[in-house]
Each structure stands twice: as structure tokens, then as C-alpha cells.
Amino acid sequence: MPDARLKITVALLMKARRLVETVIGQLTEHFHNKKVRARDTWHLANRFIRKCLAHTVGVFLNKLLRNQSLHFVSIG
């Protein structure tokens, strides 16, 4: 079945998907979002929001330091 979408549209969608999957992977691996132990919904939401905020602050600091946005581990 031929794809009716424009190539630029597909490229933009793929770029956005790659970014979203990278961020989800980082939240899962580095911030351990798979095993959030909370007794109720309030604490679960609070922990998830703190982890998302920590990720956002990391991206912001990388921008300030002129590093790549999603590279949190520096080598060397």
C-alpha cells in the first residue's frame, strides 16, 4: 500500500518519535520509573512529577553548558 504522506511529514514524525522514545527510555533506565513504589495515587503522581522535573532540569543544564540536550552521562 503506497504511503500518501509527504516525505517531509514522515521525516518530522520520525524525528519526534525518536525524541519521545529517547526520553521515555531515559526516564525508565536512569530514573527507574518501572519500579515506583507508592502506597497511593498522590505519592505515585508526586514521584513521577519529580522524576520528570529532574529530567527537565538536566536538559536545561545541558543547554546552559552547551552540551547535547539528552546526554546526561559525560565520558572522560
PDB file of N, CA and C in Angstrom:
ATOM      1  N   MET A   1       0.838  -1.167   0.000  1.00  0.00           N
ATOM      2  CA  MET A   1       0.000   0.000   0.000  1.00  0.00           C
ATOM      3  C   MET A   1       0.887   1.236   0.000  1.00  0.00           C
ATOM      4  N   PRO A   2       0.733   2.106  -0.949  1.00  0.00           N
ATOM      5  CA  PRO A   2       1.596   3.287  -1.017  1.00  0.00           C
ATOM      6  C   PRO A   2       1.282   4.284   0.102  1.00  0.00           C
ATOM      7  N   ASP A   3       2.321   4.958   0.560  1.00  0.00           N
ATOM      8  CA  ASP A   3       2.180   5.948   1.626  1.00  0.00           C
ATOM      9  C   ASP A   3       1.777   7.280   1.008  1.00  0.00           C
ATOM     10  N   ALA A   4       0.643   7.823   1.430  1.00  0.00           N
ATOM     11  CA  ALA A   4       0.113   9.053   0.844  1.00  0.00           C
ATOM     12  C   ALA A   4       0.705  10.309   1.488  1.00  0.00           C
ATOM     13  N   ARG A   5       1.471  10.124   2.567  1.00  0.00           N
ATOM     14  CA  ARG A   5       2.021  11.289   3.257  1.00  0.00           C
ATOM     15  C   ARG A   5       3.253  11.813   2.526  1.00  0.00           C
ATOM     16  N   LEU A   6       3.524  13.086   2.716  1.00  0.00           N
ATOM     17  CA  LEU A   6       4.724  13.697   2.149  1.00  0.00           C
ATOM     18  C   LEU A   6       5.961  13.189   2.886  1.00  0.00           C
ATOM     19  N   LYS A   7       7.090  13.141   2.192  1.00  0.00           N
ATOM     20  CA  LYS A   7       8.315  12.642   2.827  1.00  0.00           C
ATOM     21  C   LYS A   7       8.758  13.533   3.971  1.00  0.00           C
ATOM     22  N   ILE A   8       8.550  14.851   3.852  1.00  0.00           N
ATOM     23  CA  ILE A   8       8.938  15.757   4.932  1.00  0.00           C
ATOM     24  C   ILE A   8       8.085  15.512   6.173  1.00  0.00           C
ATOM     25  N   THR A   9       6.815  15.175   5.976  1.00  0.00           N
ATOM     26  CA  THR A   9       5.938  14.876   7.098  1.00  0.00           C
ATOM     27  C   THR A   9       6.386  13.607   7.805  1.00  0.00           C
ATOM     28  N   VAL A  10       6.724  12.603   7.044  1.00  0.00           N
ATOM     29  CA  VAL A  10       7.200  11.344   7.625  1.00  0.00           C
ATOM     30  C   VAL A  10       8.512  11.576   8.377  1.00  0.00           C
ATOM     31  N   ALA A  11       9.398  12.384   7.812  1.00  0.00           N
ATOM     32  CA  ALA A  11      10.671  12.673   8.465  1.00  0.00           C
ATOM     33  C   ALA A  11      10.452  13.402   9.793  1.00  0.00           C
ATOM     34  N   LEU A  12       9.547  14.363   9.817  1.00  0.00           N
ATOM     35  CA  LEU A  12       9.252  15.087  11.063  1.00  0.00           C
ATOM     36  C   LEU A  12       8.628  14.171  12.107  1.00  0.00           C
ATOM     37  N   LEU A  13       7.736  13.294  11.676  1.00  0.00           N
ATOM     38  CA  LEU A  13       7.123  12.342  12.604  1.00  0.00           C
ATOM     39  C   LEU A  13       8.161  11.383  13.180  1.00  0.00           C
ATOM     40  N   MET A  14       9.074  10.926  12.343  1.00  0.00           N
ATOM     41  CA  MET A  14      10.114  10.008  12.810  1.00  0.00           C
ATOM     42  C   MET A  14      11.060  10.700  13.798  1.00  0.00           C
ATOM     43  N   LYS A  15      11.375  11.955  13.531  1.00  0.00           N
ATOM     44  CA  LYS A  15      12.242  12.715  14.437  1.00  0.00           C
ATOM     45  C   LYS A  15      11.565  12.896  15.798  1.00  0.00           C
ATOM     46  N   ALA A  16      10.285  13.237  15.779  1.00  0.00           N
ATOM     47  CA  ALA A  16       9.540  13.412  17.024  1.00  0.00           C
ATOM     48  C   ALA A  16       9.424  12.089  17.779  1.00  0.00           C
ATOM     49  N   ARG A  17       9.163  11.012  17.046  1.00  0.00           N
ATOM     50  CA  ARG A  17       9.041   9.704  17.693  1.00  0.00           C
ATOM     51  C   ARG A  17      10.362   9.279  18.329  1.00  0.00           C
ATOM     52  N   ARG A  18      11.467   9.514  17.639  1.00  0.00           N
ATOM     53  CA  ARG A  18      12.784   9.171  18.176  1.00  0.00           C
ATOM     54  C   ARG A  18      13.062   9.941  19.471  1.00  0.00           C
ATOM     55  N   LEU A  19      12.697  11.221  19.488  1.00  0.00           N
ATOM     56  CA  LEU A  19      12.890  12.037  20.682  1.00  0.00           C
ATOM     57  C   LEU A  19      12.043  11.521  21.841  1.00  0.00           C
ATOM     58  N   VAL A  20      10.784  11.234  21.582  1.00  0.00           N
ATOM     59  CA  VAL A  20       9.887  10.736  22.621  1.00  0.00           C
ATOM     60  C   VAL A  20      10.372   9.398  23.163  1.00  0.00           C
ATOM     61  N   GLU A  21      10.794   8.501  22.288  1.00  0.00           N
ATOM     62  CA  GLU A  21      11.277   7.199  22.743  1.00  0.00           C
ATOM     63  C   GLU A  21      12.572   7.325  23.529  1.00  0.00           C
ATOM     64  N   THR A  22      13.424   8.276  23.174  1.00  0.00           N
ATOM     65  CA  THR A  22      14.657   8.507  23.924  1.00  0.00           C
ATOM     66  C   THR A  22      14.354   8.987  25.328  1.00  0.00           C
ATOM     67  N   VAL A  23      13.443   9.937  25.451  1.00  0.00           N
ATOM     68  CA  VAL A  23      13.089  10.474  26.763  1.00  0.00           C
ATOM     69  C   VAL A  23      12.424   9.402  27.621  1.00  0.00           C
ATOM     70  N   ILE A  24      11.533   8.627  27.046  1.00  0.00           N
ATOM     71  CA  ILE A  24      10.890   7.547  27.798  1.00  0.00           C
ATOM     72  C   ILE A  24      11.928   6.524  28.244  1.00  0.00           C
ATOM     73  N   GLY A  25      12.875   6.206  27.374  1.00  0.00           N
ATOM     74  CA  GLY A  25      13.943   5.278  27.736  1.00  0.00           C
ATOM     75  C   GLY A  25      14.803   5.810  28.867  1.00  0.00           C
ATOM     76  N   GLN A  26      15.107   7.111  28.846  1.00  0.00           N
ATOM     77  CA  GLN A  26      15.902   7.699  29.917  1.00  0.00           C
ATOM     78  C   GLN A  26      15.133   7.698  31.230  1.00  0.00           C
ATOM     79  N   LEU A  27      13.853   8.027  31.185  1.00  0.00           N
ATOM     80  CA  LEU A  27      13.057   8.005  32.410  1.00  0.00           C
ATOM     81  C   LEU A  27      12.962   6.590  32.973  1.00  0.00           C
ATOM     82  N   THR A  28      12.904   5.616  32.094  1.00  0.00           N
ATOM     83  CA  THR A  28      12.803   4.232  32.542  1.00  0.00           C
ATOM     84  C   THR A  28      14.123   3.737  33.111  1.00  0.00           C
ATOM     85  N   GLU A  29      15.220   3.995  32.415  1.00  0.00           N
ATOM     86  CA  GLU A  29      16.513   3.455  32.828  1.00  0.00           C
ATOM     87  C   GLU A  29      17.171   4.268  33.941  1.00  0.00           C
ATOM     88  N   HIS A  30      17.325   5.559  33.735  1.00  0.00           N
ATOM     89  CA  HIS A  30      18.083   6.382  34.681  1.00  0.00           C
ATOM     90  C   HIS A  30      17.277   6.757  35.918  1.00  0.00           C
ATOM     91  N   PHE A  31      15.996   6.966  35.755  1.00  0.00           N
ATOM     92  CA  PHE A  31      15.168   7.414  36.869  1.00  0.00           C
ATOM     93  C   PHE A  31      14.299   6.307  37.436  1.00  0.00           C
ATOM     94  N   HIS A  32      14.473   5.091  36.962  1.00  0.00           N
ATOM     95  CA  HIS A  32      13.797   3.894  37.497  1.00  0.00           C
ATOM     96  C   HIS A  32      12.278   4.074  37.591  1.00  0.00           C
ATOM     97  N   ASN A  33      11.658   4.485  36.500  1.00  0.00           N
ATOM     98  CA  ASN A  33      10.208   4.659  36.504  1.00  0.00           C
ATOM     99  C   ASN A  33       9.452   3.348  36.442  1.00  0.00           C
ATOM    100  N   LYS A  34      10.132   2.241  36.175  1.00  0.00           N
ATOM    101  CA  LYS A  34       9.433   0.962  36.149  1.00  0.00           C
ATOM    102  C   LYS A  34       9.030   0.517  37.546  1.00  0.00           C
ATOM    103  N   LYS A  35       9.845   0.852  38.520  1.00  0.00           N
ATOM    104  CA  LYS A  35       9.557   0.387  39.876  1.00  0.00           C
ATOM    105  C   LYS A  35       9.405   1.565  40.841  1.00  0.00           C
ATOM    106  N   VAL A  36       8.313   2.250  40.700  1.00  0.00           N
ATOM    107  CA  VAL A  36       7.985   3.328  41.624  1.00  0.00           C
ATOM    108  C   VAL A  36       7.064   2.738  42.678  1.00  0.00           C
ATOM    109  N   ARG A  37       7.552   2.681  43.878  1.00  0.00           N
ATOM    110  CA  ARG A  37       6.759   2.087  44.954  1.00  0.00           C
ATOM    111  C   ARG A  37       6.025   3.208  45.692  1.00  0.00           C
ATOM    112  N   ALA A  38       4.741   3.219  45.547  1.00  0.00           N
ATOM    113  CA  ALA A  38       3.925   4.227  46.216  1.00  0.00           C
ATOM    114  C   ALA A  38       2.674   3.557  46.765  1.00  0.00           C
ATOM    115  N   ARG A  39       2.227   4.072  47.875  1.00  0.00           N
ATOM    116  CA  ARG A  39       1.063   3.468  48.523  1.00  0.00           C
ATOM    117  C   ARG A  39      -0.256   3.948  47.946  1.00  0.00           C
ATOM    118  N   ASP A  40      -0.249   5.160  47.417  1.00  0.00           N
ATOM    119  CA  ASP A  40      -1.499   5.698  46.872  1.00  0.00           C
ATOM    120  C   ASP A  40      -1.208   6.539  45.640  1.00  0.00           C
ATOM    121  N   THR A  41      -2.260   7.011  45.022  1.00  0.00           N
ATOM    122  CA  THR A  41      -2.140   7.753  43.766  1.00  0.00           C
ATOM    123  C   THR A  41      -1.406   9.072  43.961  1.00  0.00           C
ATOM    124  N   TRP A  42      -1.621   9.726  45.084  1.00  0.00           N
ATOM    125  CA  TRP A  42      -0.965  11.008  45.352  1.00  0.00           C
ATOM    126  C   TRP A  42       0.553  10.849  45.337  1.00  0.00           C
ATOM    127  N   HIS A  43       1.060   9.861  46.050  1.00  0.00           N
ATOM    128  CA  HIS A  43       2.507   9.666  46.114  1.00  0.00           C
ATOM    129  C   HIS A  43       3.069   9.174  44.780  1.00  0.00           C
ATOM    130  N   LEU A  44       2.305   8.366  44.067  1.00  0.00           N
ATOM    131  CA  LEU A  44       2.732   7.907  42.753  1.00  0.00           C
ATOM    132  C   LEU A  44       2.879   9.096  41.795  1.00  0.00           C
ATOM    133  N   ALA A  45       1.877   9.957  41.761  1.00  0.00           N
ATOM    134  CA  ALA A  45       1.931  11.140  40.891  1.00  0.00           C
ATOM    135  C   ALA A  45       3.061  12.067  41.315  1.00  0.00           C
ATOM    136  N   ASN A  46       3.243  12.253  42.605  1.00  0.00           N
ATOM    137  CA  ASN A  46       4.294  13.129  43.115  1.00  0.00           C
ATOM    138  C   ASN A  46       5.675  12.632  42.700  1.00  0.00           C
ATOM    139  N   ARG A  47       5.935  11.356  42.836  1.00  0.00           N
ATOM    140  CA  ARG A  47       7.235  10.799  42.454  1.00  0.00           C
ATOM    141  C   ARG A  47       7.462  10.889  40.953  1.00  0.00           C
ATOM    142  N   PHE A  48       6.428  10.610  40.168  1.00  0.00           N
ATOM    143  CA  PHE A  48       6.566  10.699  38.718  1.00  0.00           C
ATOM    144  C   PHE A  48       6.842  12.139  38.289  1.00  0.00           C
ATOM    145  N   ILE A  49       6.142  13.092  38.877  1.00  0.00           N
ATOM    146  CA  ILE A  49       6.358  14.503  38.535  1.00  0.00           C
ATOM    147  C   ILE A  49       7.761  14.942  38.926  1.00  0.00           C
ATOM    148  N   ARG A  50       8.258  14.512  40.085  1.00  0.00           N
ATOM    149  CA  ARG A  50       9.630  14.863  40.489  1.00  0.00           C
ATOM    150  C   ARG A  50      10.659  14.296  39.531  1.00  0.00           C
ATOM    151  N   LYS A  51      10.443  13.082  39.044  1.00  0.00           N
ATOM    152  CA  LYS A  51      11.384  12.482  38.102  1.00  0.00           C
ATOM    153  C   LYS A  51      11.352  13.202  36.764  1.00  0.00           C
ATOM    154  N   CYS A  52      10.162  13.590  36.320  1.00  0.00           N
ATOM    155  CA  CYS A  52      10.063  14.370  35.074  1.00  0.00           C
ATOM    156  C   CYS A  52      10.709  15.730  35.240  1.00  0.00           C
ATOM    157  N   LEU A  53      10.543  16.358  36.397  1.00  0.00           N
ATOM    158  CA  LEU A  53      11.175  17.643  36.668  1.00  0.00           C
ATOM    159  C   LEU A  53      12.698  17.507  36.697  1.00  0.00           C
ATOM    160  N   ALA A  54      13.207  16.443  37.300  1.00  0.00           N
ATOM    161  CA  ALA A  54      14.651  16.221  37.330  1.00  0.00           C
ATOM    162  C   ALA A  54      15.199  16.053  35.914  1.00  0.00           C
ATOM    163  N   HIS A  55      14.473  15.346  35.076  1.00  0.00           N
ATOM    164  CA  HIS A  55      14.892  15.167  33.684  1.00  0.00           C
ATOM    165  C   HIS A  55      14.899  16.507  32.957  1.00  0.00           C
ATOM    166  N   THR A  56      13.864  17.311  33.173  1.00  0.00           N
ATOM    167  CA  THR A  56      13.770  18.618  32.529  1.00  0.00           C
ATOM    168  C   THR A  56      14.892  19.538  32.986  1.00  0.00           C
ATOM    169  N   VAL A  57      15.219  19.520  34.266  1.00  0.00           N
ATOM    170  CA  VAL A  57      16.326  20.326  34.782  1.00  0.00           C
ATOM    171  C   VAL A  57      17.649  19.864  34.171  1.00  0.00           C
ATOM    172  N   GLY A  58      17.825  18.571  34.004  1.00  0.00           N
ATOM    173  CA  GLY A  58      19.028  18.055  33.360  1.00  0.00           C
ATOM    174  C   GLY A  58      19.164  18.533  31.928  1.00  0.00           C
ATOM    175  N   VAL A  59      18.069  18.538  31.183  1.00  0.00           N
ATOM    176  CA  VAL A  59      18.083  19.040  29.806  1.00  0.00           C
ATOM    177  C   VAL A  59      18.411  20.528  29.806  1.00  0.00           C
ATOM    178  N   PHE A  60      17.820  21.282  30.715  1.00  0.00           N
ATOM    179  CA  PHE A  60      18.068  22.721  30.808  1.00  0.00           C
ATOM    180  C   PHE A  60      19.531  23.009  31.119  1.00  0.00           C
ATOM    181  N   LEU A  61      20.106  22.274  32.065  1.00  0.00           N
ATOM    182  CA  LEU A  61      21.517  22.481  32.416  1.00  0.00           C
ATOM    183  C   LEU A  61      22.431  22.118  31.252  1.00  0.00           C
ATOM    184  N   ASN A  62      22.095  21.072  30.534  1.00  0.00           N
ATOM    185  CA  ASN A  62      22.886  20.727  29.345  1.00  0.00           C
ATOM    186  C   ASN A  62      22.826  21.839  28.303  1.00  0.00           C
ATOM    187  N   LYS A  63      21.665  22.458  28.148  1.00  0.00           N
ATOM    188  CA  LYS A  63      21.542  23.586  27.210  1.00  0.00           C
ATOM    189  C   LYS A  63      22.414  24.754  27.667  1.00  0.00           C
ATOM    190  N   LEU A  64      22.407  25.036  28.983  1.00  0.00           N
ATOM    191  CA  LEU A  64      23.230  26.127  29.504  1.00  0.00           C
ATOM    192  C   LEU A  64      24.722  25.865  29.314  1.00  0.00           C
ATOM    193  N   LEU A  65      25.123  24.618  29.465  1.00  0.00           N
ATOM    194  CA  LEU A  65      26.529  24.246  29.328  1.00  0.00           C
ATOM    195  C   LEU A  65      26.916  23.970  27.879  1.00  0.00           C
ATOM    196  N   ARG A  66      25.969  24.162  26.971  1.00  0.00           N
ATOM    197  CA  ARG A  66      26.166  23.949  25.537  1.00  0.00           C
ATOM    198  C   ARG A  66      26.537  22.500  25.207  1.00  0.00           C
ATOM    199  N   ASN A  67      25.986  21.583  25.977  1.00  0.00           N
ATOM    200  CA  ASN A  67      26.127  20.160  25.690  1.00  0.00           C
ATOM    201  C   ASN A  67      24.902  19.699  24.919  1.00  0.00           C
ATOM    202  N   GLN A  68      24.943  18.484  24.420  1.00  0.00           N
ATOM    203  CA  GLN A  68      23.747  17.937  23.773  1.00  0.00           C
ATOM    204  C   GLN A  68      22.673  17.743  24.818  1.00  0.00           C
ATOM    205  N   SER A  69      21.443  18.033  24.452  1.00  0.00           N
ATOM    206  CA  SER A  69      20.337  18.101  25.417  1.00  0.00           C
ATOM    207  C   SER A  69      20.122  16.815  26.201  1.00  0.00           C
ATOM    208  N   LEU A  70      20.143  15.677  25.538  1.00  0.00           N
ATOM    209  CA  LEU A  70      19.761  14.428  26.194  1.00  0.00           C
ATOM    210  C   LEU A  70      20.941  13.572  26.620  1.00  0.00           C
ATOM    211  N   HIS A  71      22.142  14.101  26.593  1.00  0.00           N
ATOM    212  CA  HIS A  71      23.322  13.342  27.021  1.00  0.00           C
ATOM    213  C   HIS A  71      23.632  13.714  28.466  1.00  0.00           C
ATOM    214  N   PHE A  72      23.231  12.835  29.380  1.00  0.00           N
ATOM    215  CA  PHE A  72      23.421  13.105  30.807  1.00  0.00           C
ATOM    216  C   PHE A  72      24.707  12.513  31.362  1.00  0.00           C
ATOM    217  N   VAL A  73      25.280  11.556  30.686  1.00  0.00           N
ATOM    218  CA  VAL A  73      26.500  10.922  31.161  1.00  0.00           C
ATOM    219  C   VAL A  73      27.670  11.459  30.329  1.00  0.00           C
ATOM    220  N   SER A  74      28.603  12.090  31.018  1.00  0.00           N
ATOM    221  CA  SER A  74      29.772  12.603  30.285  1.00  0.00           C
ATOM    222  C   SER A  74      30.908  11.600  30.391  1.00  0.00           C
ATOM    223  N   ILE A  75      31.627  11.445  29.316  1.00  0.00           N
ATOM    224  CA  ILE A  75      32.738  10.489  29.258  1.00  0.00           C
ATOM    225  C   ILE A  75      34.037  11.270  29.366  1.00  0.00           C
ATOM    226  N   GLY A  76      34.899  10.815  30.258  1.00  0.00           N
ATOM    227  CA  GLY A  76      36.218  11.447  30.368  1.00  0.00           C
ATOM    228  C   GLY A  76      36.305  12.429  31.387  1.00  0.00           C
TER     229      GLY A  76
END
